[in-house]
Amino acid sequence: MSTSTAELINTFLERLWLKQGVSQHTSSAYGTDLKKFYQFLLEYQGEAADLLQVETEAIENYLLWRRQQGLSPRSTARALSALKKFYNYAVKERWCSVDPTTRLRQPKQPQSIPHSLAESEVEALLAAPDLDDPVQLRDRAMLEVLYATGLRVTELVQLNFSQVSMQQELVRVIGKGNKERLVPLGESALELLQQYQQHGRPALSQKNSDFVFITRRGGPLTRQAFWHRIKYYAQRADIRSHLSPHTLRHAFATHLLNHGADLRVLQMLLGHSDLSTTQIYTHVARERLQQLHASHHPRA
């Protein structure tokens, strides 16, 4: 990739972060998508490839090529979203005069039901860390907070002390698009959080840090590092269900619905801007109700 093209993409990503408050994870994904598209142009157009002189047909060919490669519709939709944002911004900044994505429409995505854990599996996962070890005490506190609040993993690892009120038992979360929401901590999470702050955190590092959850070096964990910790405890707890970084967030939502939570309340707690995003969990709750009915009703 030429230096000028790389600088162009980096400038766009920086402005996207500044103006729209997209997460680092999303920004990184968009950067990868734009670079892959440019590599596609290089392969088919050679040295004539120019990210700012692209016809709509070239993008259509790229999307077709992705389908032929067996790439998922969801990742292709994200790739198109990245291109749309880039060219929309490029026209506004007068980098180019025409947006080649204007007449391209996002394909409809089939609703995929997020996988969750049973309540017994969550209990086993939470019980897996050894509280006598400061690292595992930290991990237990993180798992408790994650399950109690439904935070995104990125929101959890970036949590600052200024966002946590022990007295009011609340967490002030800065979510996608810099949107703020208040989420209750709950008794168990609060207890483990206090235990971690009193015993685990000082044993990990004496360095001053605004981050709640730190490594032995005094810095925050990465999403990837915490994801590896979750898999480690899942193995220890002999949990064989499918896991993803958002598994506990999905469990939080599903279990709240199963215990009678209102969908609007769940939307607020999860930080969804659109209720339609939250409604996917009604499918999960409905399946659970059907299972209960089939197991316990005398004429099921």
C-alpha atoms as a PDB file:
ATOM      1  CA  MET A   1       0.000   0.000   0.000  1.00  0.00           C
ATOM      2  CA  SER A   2       1.357   3.400  -0.938  1.00  0.00           C
ATOM      3  CA  THR A   3       2.192   5.895   1.785  1.00  0.00           C
ATOM      4  CA  SER A   4      -0.378   8.395   0.463  1.00  0.00           C
ATOM      5  CA  THR A   5      -3.194   5.804   0.542  1.00  0.00           C
ATOM      6  CA  ALA A   6      -2.284   4.683   4.056  1.00  0.00           C
ATOM      7  CA  GLU A   7      -2.213   8.321   5.229  1.00  0.00           C
ATOM      8  CA  LEU A   8      -5.596   8.908   3.580  1.00  0.00           C
ATOM      9  CA  ILE A   9      -7.165   5.989   5.441  1.00  0.00           C
ATOM     10  CA  ASN A  10      -5.550   6.984   8.751  1.00  0.00           C
ATOM     11  CA  THR A  11      -6.774  10.578   8.402  1.00  0.00           C
ATOM     12  CA  PHE A  12     -10.325   9.344   7.776  1.00  0.00           C
ATOM     13  CA  LEU A  13     -10.206   7.006  10.804  1.00  0.00           C
ATOM     14  CA  GLU A  14      -8.909   9.772  13.078  1.00  0.00           C
ATOM     15  CA  ARG A  15     -11.697  12.135  11.990  1.00  0.00           C
ATOM     16  CA  LEU A  16     -14.261   9.362  12.390  1.00  0.00           C
ATOM     17  CA  TRP A  17     -13.113   8.830  15.974  1.00  0.00           C
ATOM     18  CA  LEU A  18     -13.082  12.544  16.767  1.00  0.00           C
ATOM     19  CA  LYS A  19     -16.419  13.467  15.220  1.00  0.00           C
ATOM     20  CA  GLN A  20     -18.513  10.324  15.699  1.00  0.00           C
ATOM     21  CA  GLY A  21     -16.874   8.745  18.735  1.00  0.00           C
ATOM     22  CA  VAL A  22     -16.606   5.292  17.171  1.00  0.00           C
ATOM     23  CA  SER A  23     -14.844   2.706  19.303  1.00  0.00           C
ATOM     24  CA  GLN A  24     -11.250   1.698  18.689  1.00  0.00           C
ATOM     25  CA  HIS A  25     -12.476  -1.763  17.724  1.00  0.00           C
ATOM     26  CA  THR A  26     -14.845  -0.383  15.050  1.00  0.00           C
ATOM     27  CA  SER A  27     -12.205   2.025  13.778  1.00  0.00           C
ATOM     28  CA  SER A  28      -9.711  -0.824  13.440  1.00  0.00           C
ATOM     29  CA  ALA A  29     -12.284  -2.958  11.595  1.00  0.00           C
ATOM     30  CA  TYR A  30     -13.066  -0.119   9.157  1.00  0.00           C
ATOM     31  CA  GLY A  31      -9.344   0.381   8.538  1.00  0.00           C
ATOM     32  CA  THR A  32      -8.946  -3.316   7.728  1.00  0.00           C
ATOM     33  CA  ASP A  33     -11.946  -3.223   5.370  1.00  0.00           C
ATOM     34  CA  LEU A  34     -10.623  -0.201   3.466  1.00  0.00           C
ATOM     35  CA  LYS A  35      -7.167  -1.741   3.106  1.00  0.00           C
ATOM     36  CA  LYS A  36      -8.655  -5.002   1.813  1.00  0.00           C
ATOM     37  CA  PHE A  37     -10.687  -3.079  -0.764  1.00  0.00           C
ATOM     38  CA  TYR A  38      -7.572  -1.218  -1.901  1.00  0.00           C
ATOM     39  CA  GLN A  39      -5.679  -4.512  -2.225  1.00  0.00           C
ATOM     40  CA  PHE A  40      -8.556  -5.759  -4.391  1.00  0.00           C
ATOM     41  CA  LEU A  41      -8.210  -2.681  -6.608  1.00  0.00           C
ATOM     42  CA  LEU A  42      -4.459  -3.210  -6.908  1.00  0.00           C
ATOM     43  CA  GLU A  43      -4.945  -6.805  -7.983  1.00  0.00           C
ATOM     44  CA  TYR A  44      -7.470  -5.977 -10.690  1.00  0.00           C
ATOM     45  CA  GLN A  45      -6.332  -2.506 -11.781  1.00  0.00           C
ATOM     46  CA  GLY A  46      -2.609  -2.621 -11.084  1.00  0.00           C
ATOM     47  CA  GLU A  47      -0.724   0.646 -10.683  1.00  0.00           C
ATOM     48  CA  ALA A  48      -3.755   2.575 -11.926  1.00  0.00           C
ATOM     49  CA  ALA A  49      -5.616   1.753  -8.706  1.00  0.00           C
ATOM     50  CA  ASP A  50      -6.681   4.899  -6.876  1.00  0.00           C
ATOM     51  CA  LEU A  51      -8.944   4.855  -3.819  1.00  0.00           C
ATOM     52  CA  LEU A  52     -10.309   8.292  -4.752  1.00  0.00           C
ATOM     53  CA  GLN A  53     -11.156   7.411  -8.359  1.00  0.00           C
ATOM     54  CA  VAL A  54     -13.445   4.425  -8.021  1.00  0.00           C
ATOM     55  CA  GLU A  55     -16.520   3.550 -10.064  1.00  0.00           C
ATOM     56  CA  THR A  56     -19.604   1.984  -8.522  1.00  0.00           C
ATOM     57  CA  GLU A  57     -19.011  -1.080 -10.684  1.00  0.00           C
ATOM     58  CA  ALA A  58     -15.654  -1.709  -8.983  1.00  0.00           C
ATOM     59  CA  ILE A  59     -17.324  -1.794  -5.564  1.00  0.00           C
ATOM     60  CA  GLU A  60     -20.071  -4.092  -6.860  1.00  0.00           C
ATOM     61  CA  ASN A  61     -17.379  -6.419  -8.217  1.00  0.00           C
ATOM     62  CA  TYR A  62     -15.633  -6.349  -4.854  1.00  0.00           C
ATOM     63  CA  LEU A  63     -18.827  -7.281  -2.996  1.00  0.00           C
ATOM     64  CA  LEU A  64     -19.460 -10.072  -5.500  1.00  0.00           C
ATOM     65  CA  TRP A  65     -15.884 -11.311  -5.053  1.00  0.00           C
ATOM     66  CA  ARG A  66     -16.390 -11.443  -1.277  1.00  0.00           C
ATOM     67  CA  ARG A  67     -19.489 -13.604  -1.709  1.00  0.00           C
ATOM     68  CA  GLN A  68     -17.598 -15.906  -4.067  1.00  0.00           C
ATOM     69  CA  GLN A  69     -14.867 -16.254  -1.433  1.00  0.00           C
ATOM     70  CA  GLY A  70     -17.481 -17.487   1.033  1.00  0.00           C
ATOM     71  CA  LEU A  71     -17.151 -14.500   3.357  1.00  0.00           C
ATOM     72  CA  SER A  72     -20.117 -13.993   5.648  1.00  0.00           C
ATOM     73  CA  PRO A  73     -22.920 -11.580   4.668  1.00  0.00           C
ATOM     74  CA  ARG A  74     -22.410  -9.791   7.974  1.00  0.00           C
ATOM     75  CA  SER A  75     -18.738  -9.031   7.313  1.00  0.00           C
ATOM     76  CA  THR A  76     -19.556  -7.951   3.741  1.00  0.00           C
ATOM     77  CA  ALA A  77     -22.234  -5.600   5.070  1.00  0.00           C
ATOM     78  CA  ARG A  78     -19.671  -4.103   7.436  1.00  0.00           C
ATOM     79  CA  ALA A  79     -17.204  -3.707   4.543  1.00  0.00           C
ATOM     80  CA  LEU A  80     -19.821  -1.809   2.541  1.00  0.00           C
ATOM     81  CA  SER A  81     -20.603   0.328   5.586  1.00  0.00           C
ATOM     82  CA  ALA A  82     -16.906   1.236   5.865  1.00  0.00           C
ATOM     83  CA  LEU A  83     -16.790   2.203   2.172  1.00  0.00           C
ATOM     84  CA  LYS A  84     -19.972   4.268   2.472  1.00  0.00           C
ATOM     85  CA  LYS A  85     -18.600   6.210   5.436  1.00  0.00           C
ATOM     86  CA  PHE A  86     -15.250   6.732   3.739  1.00  0.00           C
ATOM     87  CA  TYR A  87     -16.637   8.062   0.456  1.00  0.00           C
ATOM     88  CA  ASN A  88     -19.270  10.168   2.179  1.00  0.00           C
ATOM     89  CA  TYR A  89     -16.471  11.797   4.149  1.00  0.00           C
ATOM     90  CA  ALA A  90     -14.220  12.044   1.065  1.00  0.00           C
ATOM     91  CA  VAL A  91     -16.890  14.017  -0.830  1.00  0.00           C
ATOM     92  CA  LYS A  92     -17.465  16.359   2.119  1.00  0.00           C
ATOM     93  CA  GLU A  93     -13.726  17.010   2.349  1.00  0.00           C
ATOM     94  CA  ARG A  94     -13.569  17.412  -1.462  1.00  0.00           C
ATOM     95  CA  TRP A  95     -11.054  14.597  -1.813  1.00  0.00           C
ATOM     96  CA  CYS A  96     -13.289  13.390  -4.634  1.00  0.00           C
ATOM     97  CA  SER A  97     -16.372  14.795  -6.378  1.00  0.00           C
ATOM     98  CA  VAL A  98     -18.585  11.697  -6.593  1.00  0.00           C
ATOM     99  CA  ASP A  99     -19.609   9.110  -4.001  1.00  0.00           C
ATOM    100  CA  PRO A 100     -19.568   5.727  -5.792  1.00  0.00           C
ATOM    101  CA  THR A 101     -21.558   4.060  -2.981  1.00  0.00           C
ATOM    102  CA  THR A 102     -24.635   6.326  -3.189  1.00  0.00           C
ATOM    103  CA  ARG A 103     -26.895   3.862  -5.006  1.00  0.00           C
ATOM    104  CA  LEU A 104     -25.599   0.787  -3.205  1.00  0.00           C
ATOM    105  CA  ARG A 105     -27.924  -0.545  -0.513  1.00  0.00           C
ATOM    106  CA  GLN A 106     -26.989  -2.587   2.527  1.00  0.00           C
ATOM    107  CA  PRO A 107     -28.200  -6.171   2.172  1.00  0.00           C
ATOM    108  CA  LYS A 108     -30.756  -7.310   4.719  1.00  0.00           C
ATOM    109  CA  GLN A 109     -29.124  -9.383   7.409  1.00  0.00           C
ATOM    110  CA  PRO A 110     -30.814 -12.477   8.840  1.00  0.00           C
ATOM    111  CA  GLN A 111     -31.368 -12.018  12.544  1.00  0.00           C
ATOM    112  CA  SER A 112     -28.948 -14.248  14.373  1.00  0.00           C
ATOM    113  CA  ILE A 113     -29.996 -15.179  17.872  1.00  0.00           C
ATOM    114  CA  PRO A 114     -27.091 -14.450  20.235  1.00  0.00           C
ATOM    115  CA  HIS A 115     -25.922 -17.481  22.162  1.00  0.00           C
ATOM    116  CA  SER A 116     -26.272 -17.292  25.916  1.00  0.00           C
ATOM    117  CA  LEU A 117     -25.287 -19.390  28.905  1.00  0.00           C
ATOM    118  CA  ALA A 118     -27.700 -21.098  31.255  1.00  0.00           C
ATOM    119  CA  GLU A 119     -27.864 -19.587  34.721  1.00  0.00           C
ATOM    120  CA  SER A 120     -26.132 -22.663  36.156  1.00  0.00           C
ATOM    121  CA  GLU A 121     -23.287 -22.223  33.661  1.00  0.00           C
ATOM    122  CA  VAL A 122     -22.870 -18.577  34.642  1.00  0.00           C
ATOM    123  CA  GLU A 123     -22.708 -19.591  38.295  1.00  0.00           C
ATOM    124  CA  ALA A 124     -20.016 -22.158  37.473  1.00  0.00           C
ATOM    125  CA  LEU A 125     -18.040 -19.587  35.474  1.00  0.00           C
ATOM    126  CA  LEU A 126     -18.203 -17.014  38.272  1.00  0.00           C
ATOM    127  CA  ALA A 127     -17.074 -19.605  40.825  1.00  0.00           C
ATOM    128  CA  ALA A 128     -14.032 -20.689  38.761  1.00  0.00           C
ATOM    129  CA  PRO A 129     -11.462 -18.009  39.813  1.00  0.00           C
ATOM    130  CA  ASP A 130      -9.451 -18.500  43.012  1.00  0.00           C
ATOM    131  CA  LEU A 131     -10.099 -15.456  45.201  1.00  0.00           C
ATOM    132  CA  ASP A 132      -6.802 -15.916  47.083  1.00  0.00           C
ATOM    133  CA  ASP A 133      -4.900 -15.012  43.932  1.00  0.00           C
ATOM    134  CA  PRO A 134      -4.927 -11.244  43.111  1.00  0.00           C
ATOM    135  CA  VAL A 135      -5.108 -11.791  39.341  1.00  0.00           C
ATOM    136  CA  GLN A 136      -8.009 -14.212  39.690  1.00  0.00           C
ATOM    137  CA  LEU A 137      -9.697 -11.942  42.229  1.00  0.00           C
ATOM    138  CA  ARG A 138      -9.527  -9.188  39.614  1.00  0.00           C
ATOM    139  CA  ASP A 139     -10.940 -11.549  37.010  1.00  0.00           C
ATOM    140  CA  ARG A 140     -13.790 -12.619  39.292  1.00  0.00           C
ATOM    141  CA  ALA A 141     -14.663  -8.971  39.928  1.00  0.00           C
ATOM    142  CA  MET A 142     -14.629  -8.310  36.184  1.00  0.00           C
ATOM    143  CA  LEU A 143     -16.858 -11.304  35.476  1.00  0.00           C
ATOM    144  CA  GLU A 144     -19.276 -10.246  38.223  1.00  0.00           C
ATOM    145  CA  VAL A 145     -19.465  -6.674  36.917  1.00  0.00           C
ATOM    146  CA  LEU A 146     -19.890  -7.908  33.350  1.00  0.00           C
ATOM    147  CA  TYR A 147     -22.769 -10.204  34.241  1.00  0.00           C
ATOM    148  CA  ALA A 148     -24.390  -7.682  36.599  1.00  0.00           C
ATOM    149  CA  THR A 149     -24.332  -4.776  34.142  1.00  0.00           C
ATOM    150  CA  GLY A 150     -24.286  -6.220  30.630  1.00  0.00           C
ATOM    151  CA  LEU A 151     -21.378  -3.988  29.631  1.00  0.00           C
ATOM    152  CA  ARG A 152     -19.548  -4.526  26.388  1.00  0.00           C
ATOM    153  CA  VAL A 153     -16.077  -5.973  26.993  1.00  0.00           C
ATOM    154  CA  THR A 154     -14.509  -2.774  25.647  1.00  0.00           C
ATOM    155  CA  GLU A 155     -16.554  -0.725  28.105  1.00  0.00           C
ATOM    156  CA  LEU A 156     -15.446  -2.988  30.962  1.00  0.00           C
ATOM    157  CA  VAL A 157     -11.690  -2.914  30.313  1.00  0.00           C
ATOM    158  CA  GLN A 158     -11.788   0.879  29.851  1.00  0.00           C
ATOM    159  CA  LEU A 159     -13.799   1.511  33.013  1.00  0.00           C
ATOM    160  CA  ASN A 160     -12.442   4.360  35.169  1.00  0.00           C
ATOM    161  CA  PHE A 161     -12.948   4.987  38.888  1.00  0.00           C
ATOM    162  CA  SER A 162     -14.775   8.225  38.046  1.00  0.00           C
ATOM    163  CA  GLN A 163     -17.478   6.093  36.402  1.00  0.00           C
ATOM    164  CA  VAL A 164     -18.137   3.900  39.449  1.00  0.00           C
ATOM    165  CA  SER A 165     -20.195   5.022  42.446  1.00  0.00           C
ATOM    166  CA  MET A 166     -19.950   2.519  45.303  1.00  0.00           C
ATOM    167  CA  GLN A 167     -22.312   4.591  47.432  1.00  0.00           C
ATOM    168  CA  GLN A 168     -25.078   4.716  44.815  1.00  0.00           C
ATOM    169  CA  GLU A 169     -24.181   1.246  43.478  1.00  0.00           C
ATOM    170  CA  LEU A 170     -24.118   2.522  39.914  1.00  0.00           C
ATOM    171  CA  VAL A 171     -21.800   2.475  36.917  1.00  0.00           C
ATOM    172  CA  ARG A 172     -21.811   5.397  34.497  1.00  0.00           C
ATOM    173  CA  VAL A 173     -20.994   3.907  31.118  1.00  0.00           C
ATOM    174  CA  ILE A 174     -19.719   5.790  28.073  1.00  0.00           C
ATOM    175  CA  GLY A 175     -20.892   3.614  25.205  1.00  0.00           C
ATOM    176  CA  LYS A 176     -20.917   3.762  21.427  1.00  0.00           C
ATOM    177  CA  GLY A 177     -21.104   7.267  20.001  1.00  0.00           C
ATOM    178  CA  ASN A 178     -20.102   8.660  23.430  1.00  0.00           C
ATOM    179  CA  LYS A 179     -23.631   7.957  24.693  1.00  0.00           C
ATOM    180  CA  GLU A 180     -23.885   7.810  28.462  1.00  0.00           C
ATOM    181  CA  ARG A 181     -26.045   5.451  30.514  1.00  0.00           C
ATOM    182  CA  LEU A 182     -26.380   4.510  34.182  1.00  0.00           C
ATOM    183  CA  VAL A 183     -26.441   0.822  35.095  1.00  0.00           C
ATOM    184  CA  PRO A 184     -26.981  -0.692  38.584  1.00  0.00           C
ATOM    185  CA  LEU A 185     -24.121  -2.808  39.912  1.00  0.00           C
ATOM    186  CA  GLY A 186     -25.992  -5.249  42.101  1.00  0.00           C
ATOM    187  CA  GLU A 187     -24.993  -6.656  45.487  1.00  0.00           C
ATOM    188  CA  SER A 188     -22.703  -9.485  44.330  1.00  0.00           C
ATOM    189  CA  ALA A 189     -20.757  -7.350  41.858  1.00  0.00           C
ATOM    190  CA  LEU A 190     -20.406  -4.563  44.403  1.00  0.00           C
ATOM    191  CA  GLU A 191     -19.071  -6.965  47.037  1.00  0.00           C
ATOM    192  CA  LEU A 192     -16.464  -8.463  44.669  1.00  0.00           C
ATOM    193  CA  LEU A 193     -15.494  -5.039  43.387  1.00  0.00           C
ATOM    194  CA  GLN A 194     -14.849  -3.820  46.934  1.00  0.00           C
ATOM    195  CA  GLN A 195     -12.877  -6.965  47.743  1.00  0.00           C
ATOM    196  CA  TYR A 196     -10.754  -6.501  44.622  1.00  0.00           C
ATOM    197  CA  GLN A 197     -10.070  -2.839  45.404  1.00  0.00           C
ATOM    198  CA  GLN A 198      -9.042  -3.603  48.980  1.00  0.00           C
ATOM    199  CA  HIS A 199      -6.941  -6.709  48.415  1.00  0.00           C
ATOM    200  CA  GLY A 200      -6.447  -7.596  44.747  1.00  0.00           C
ATOM    201  CA  ARG A 201      -5.587  -4.292  43.119  1.00  0.00           C
ATOM    202  CA  PRO A 202      -2.881  -3.188  45.613  1.00  0.00           C
ATOM    203  CA  ALA A 203      -1.227  -6.606  45.243  1.00  0.00           C
ATOM    204  CA  LEU A 204      -1.192  -6.318  41.454  1.00  0.00           C
ATOM    205  CA  SER A 205       0.485  -2.930  41.144  1.00  0.00           C
ATOM    206  CA  GLN A 206       1.240   0.179  43.181  1.00  0.00           C
ATOM    207  CA  LYS A 207       1.217   2.419  40.102  1.00  0.00           C
ATOM    208  CA  ASN A 208      -1.383   5.160  39.987  1.00  0.00           C
ATOM    209  CA  SER A 209      -3.992   4.469  37.344  1.00  0.00           C
ATOM    210  CA  ASP A 210      -7.504   5.709  36.665  1.00  0.00           C
ATOM    211  CA  PHE A 211      -8.470   2.319  35.265  1.00  0.00           C
ATOM    212  CA  VAL A 212     -10.390   0.065  37.632  1.00  0.00           C
ATOM    213  CA  PHE A 213      -9.049  -3.219  36.314  1.00  0.00           C
ATOM    214  CA  ILE A 214      -5.288  -3.313  35.812  1.00  0.00           C
ATOM    215  CA  THR A 215      -2.453  -5.699  34.992  1.00  0.00           C
ATOM    216  CA  ARG A 216       0.690  -6.223  37.060  1.00  0.00           C
ATOM    217  CA  ARG A 217       2.268  -3.422  35.017  1.00  0.00           C
ATOM    218  CA  GLY A 218      -0.411  -1.020  36.180  1.00  0.00           C
ATOM    219  CA  GLY A 219      -2.126  -0.587  32.822  1.00  0.00           C
ATOM    220  CA  PRO A 220      -5.553  -1.698  31.614  1.00  0.00           C
ATOM    221  CA  LEU A 221      -6.232  -5.130  30.152  1.00  0.00           C
ATOM    222  CA  THR A 222      -6.890  -5.454  26.449  1.00  0.00           C
ATOM    223  CA  ARG A 223     -10.114  -6.949  25.139  1.00  0.00           C
ATOM    224  CA  GLN A 224      -8.133  -9.882  23.807  1.00  0.00           C
ATOM    225  CA  ALA A 225      -6.400 -10.562  27.129  1.00  0.00           C
ATOM    226  CA  PHE A 226      -9.688 -10.602  29.034  1.00  0.00           C
ATOM    227  CA  TRP A 227     -11.266 -12.830  26.377  1.00  0.00           C
ATOM    228  CA  HIS A 228      -8.450 -15.355  26.948  1.00  0.00           C
ATOM    229  CA  ARG A 229      -9.158 -15.184  30.694  1.00  0.00           C
ATOM    230  CA  ILE A 230     -12.847 -15.957  30.078  1.00  0.00           C
ATOM    231  CA  LYS A 231     -11.955 -19.021  27.984  1.00  0.00           C
ATOM    232  CA  TYR A 232      -9.539 -20.170  30.693  1.00  0.00           C
ATOM    233  CA  TYR A 233     -12.241 -20.078  33.378  1.00  0.00           C
ATOM    234  CA  ALA A 234     -14.784 -21.687  31.049  1.00  0.00           C
ATOM    235  CA  GLN A 235     -12.425 -24.638  30.623  1.00  0.00           C
ATOM    236  CA  ARG A 236     -11.884 -24.827  34.371  1.00  0.00           C
ATOM    237  CA  ALA A 237     -15.650 -24.806  34.939  1.00  0.00           C
ATOM    238  CA  ASP A 238     -16.099 -27.456  32.206  1.00  0.00           C
ATOM    239  CA  ILE A 239     -18.400 -25.202  30.198  1.00  0.00           C
ATOM    240  CA  ARG A 240     -18.662 -26.598  26.683  1.00  0.00           C
ATOM    241  CA  SER A 241     -21.191 -24.161  25.298  1.00  0.00           C
ATOM    242  CA  HIS A 242     -20.123 -21.764  22.561  1.00  0.00           C
ATOM    243  CA  LEU A 243     -18.459 -18.663  23.992  1.00  0.00           C
ATOM    244  CA  SER A 244     -17.847 -15.220  22.521  1.00  0.00           C
ATOM    245  CA  PRO A 245     -16.514 -12.008  24.097  1.00  0.00           C
ATOM    246  CA  HIS A 246     -20.152 -10.902  24.521  1.00  0.00           C
ATOM    247  CA  THR A 247     -21.461 -14.152  26.011  1.00  0.00           C
ATOM    248  CA  LEU A 248     -22.001 -12.677  29.480  1.00  0.00           C
ATOM    249  CA  ARG A 249     -23.651  -9.594  27.977  1.00  0.00           C
ATOM    250  CA  HIS A 250     -26.066 -11.898  26.172  1.00  0.00           C
ATOM    251  CA  ALA A 251     -26.599 -13.895  29.375  1.00  0.00           C
ATOM    252  CA  PHE A 252     -27.324 -10.654  31.258  1.00  0.00           C
ATOM    253  CA  ALA A 253     -30.004  -9.708  28.721  1.00  0.00           C
ATOM    254  CA  THR A 254     -31.542 -13.153  28.396  1.00  0.00           C
ATOM    255  CA  HIS A 255     -31.739 -13.834  32.118  1.00  0.00           C
ATOM    256  CA  LEU A 256     -33.298 -10.424  32.802  1.00  0.00           C
ATOM    257  CA  LEU A 257     -36.006 -11.127  30.222  1.00  0.00           C
ATOM    258  CA  ASN A 258     -36.565 -14.604  31.615  1.00  0.00           C
ATOM    259  CA  HIS A 259     -37.173 -13.058  35.028  1.00  0.00           C
ATOM    260  CA  GLY A 260     -39.687 -10.545  33.712  1.00  0.00           C
ATOM    261  CA  ALA A 261     -37.670  -7.461  32.718  1.00  0.00           C
ATOM    262  CA  ASP A 262     -39.285  -4.973  30.354  1.00  0.00           C
ATOM    263  CA  LEU A 263     -37.805  -4.710  26.852  1.00  0.00           C
ATOM    264  CA  ARG A 264     -37.519  -0.893  27.088  1.00  0.00           C
ATOM    265  CA  VAL A 265     -35.607  -1.158  30.354  1.00  0.00           C
ATOM    266  CA  LEU A 266     -33.301  -3.726  28.788  1.00  0.00           C
ATOM    267  CA  GLN A 267     -32.704  -1.365  25.865  1.00  0.00           C
ATOM    268  CA  MET A 268     -31.584   1.358  28.268  1.00  0.00           C
ATOM    269  CA  LEU A 269     -29.328  -0.973  30.235  1.00  0.00           C
ATOM    270  CA  LEU A 270     -27.643  -2.361  27.109  1.00  0.00           C
ATOM    271  CA  GLY A 271     -27.214   1.080  25.571  1.00  0.00           C
ATOM    272  CA  HIS A 272     -29.026   0.229  22.331  1.00  0.00           C
ATOM    273  CA  SER A 273     -30.081   3.327  20.387  1.00  0.00           C
ATOM    274  CA  ASP A 274     -32.821   1.387  18.579  1.00  0.00           C
ATOM    275  CA  LEU A 275     -35.340  -0.962  20.216  1.00  0.00           C
ATOM    276  CA  SER A 276     -35.158  -3.253  17.179  1.00  0.00           C
ATOM    277  CA  THR A 277     -31.610  -4.171  18.238  1.00  0.00           C
ATOM    278  CA  THR A 278     -32.867  -5.228  21.657  1.00  0.00           C
ATOM    279  CA  GLN A 279     -35.817  -7.191  20.253  1.00  0.00           C
ATOM    280  CA  ILE A 280     -33.515  -9.994  19.119  1.00  0.00           C
ATOM    281  CA  TYR A 281     -33.466 -11.125  22.744  1.00  0.00           C
ATOM    282  CA  THR A 282     -37.212 -11.761  22.714  1.00  0.00           C
ATOM    283  CA  HIS A 283     -36.480 -14.756  20.478  1.00  0.00           C
ATOM    284  CA  VAL A 284     -34.132 -16.111  23.134  1.00  0.00           C
ATOM    285  CA  ALA A 285     -36.696 -15.629  25.893  1.00  0.00           C
ATOM    286  CA  ARG A 286     -39.430 -17.200  23.751  1.00  0.00           C
ATOM    287  CA  GLU A 287     -37.300 -20.299  23.159  1.00  0.00           C
ATOM    288  CA  ARG A 288     -36.669 -20.561  26.884  1.00  0.00           C
ATOM    289  CA  LEU A 289     -40.402 -20.331  27.638  1.00  0.00           C
ATOM    290  CA  GLN A 290     -41.135 -23.054  25.091  1.00  0.00           C
ATOM    291  CA  GLN A 291     -38.518 -25.295  26.678  1.00  0.00           C
ATOM    292  CA  LEU A 292     -39.989 -24.719  30.130  1.00  0.00           C
ATOM    293  CA  HIS A 293     -43.480 -25.407  28.840  1.00  0.00           C
ATOM    294  CA  ALA A 294     -42.368 -28.633  27.137  1.00  0.00           C
ATOM    295  CA  SER A 295     -40.534 -29.789  30.280  1.00  0.00           C
ATOM    296  CA  HIS A 296     -43.113 -28.995  32.910  1.00  0.00           C
ATOM    297  CA  HIS A 297     -46.612 -28.813  31.410  1.00  0.00           C
ATOM    298  CA  PRO A 298     -48.485 -32.113  31.888  1.00  0.00           C
ATOM    299  CA  ARG A 299     -49.933 -31.988  28.351  1.00  0.00           C
ATOM    300  CA  ALA A 300     -46.962 -30.521  26.527  1.00  0.00           C
END
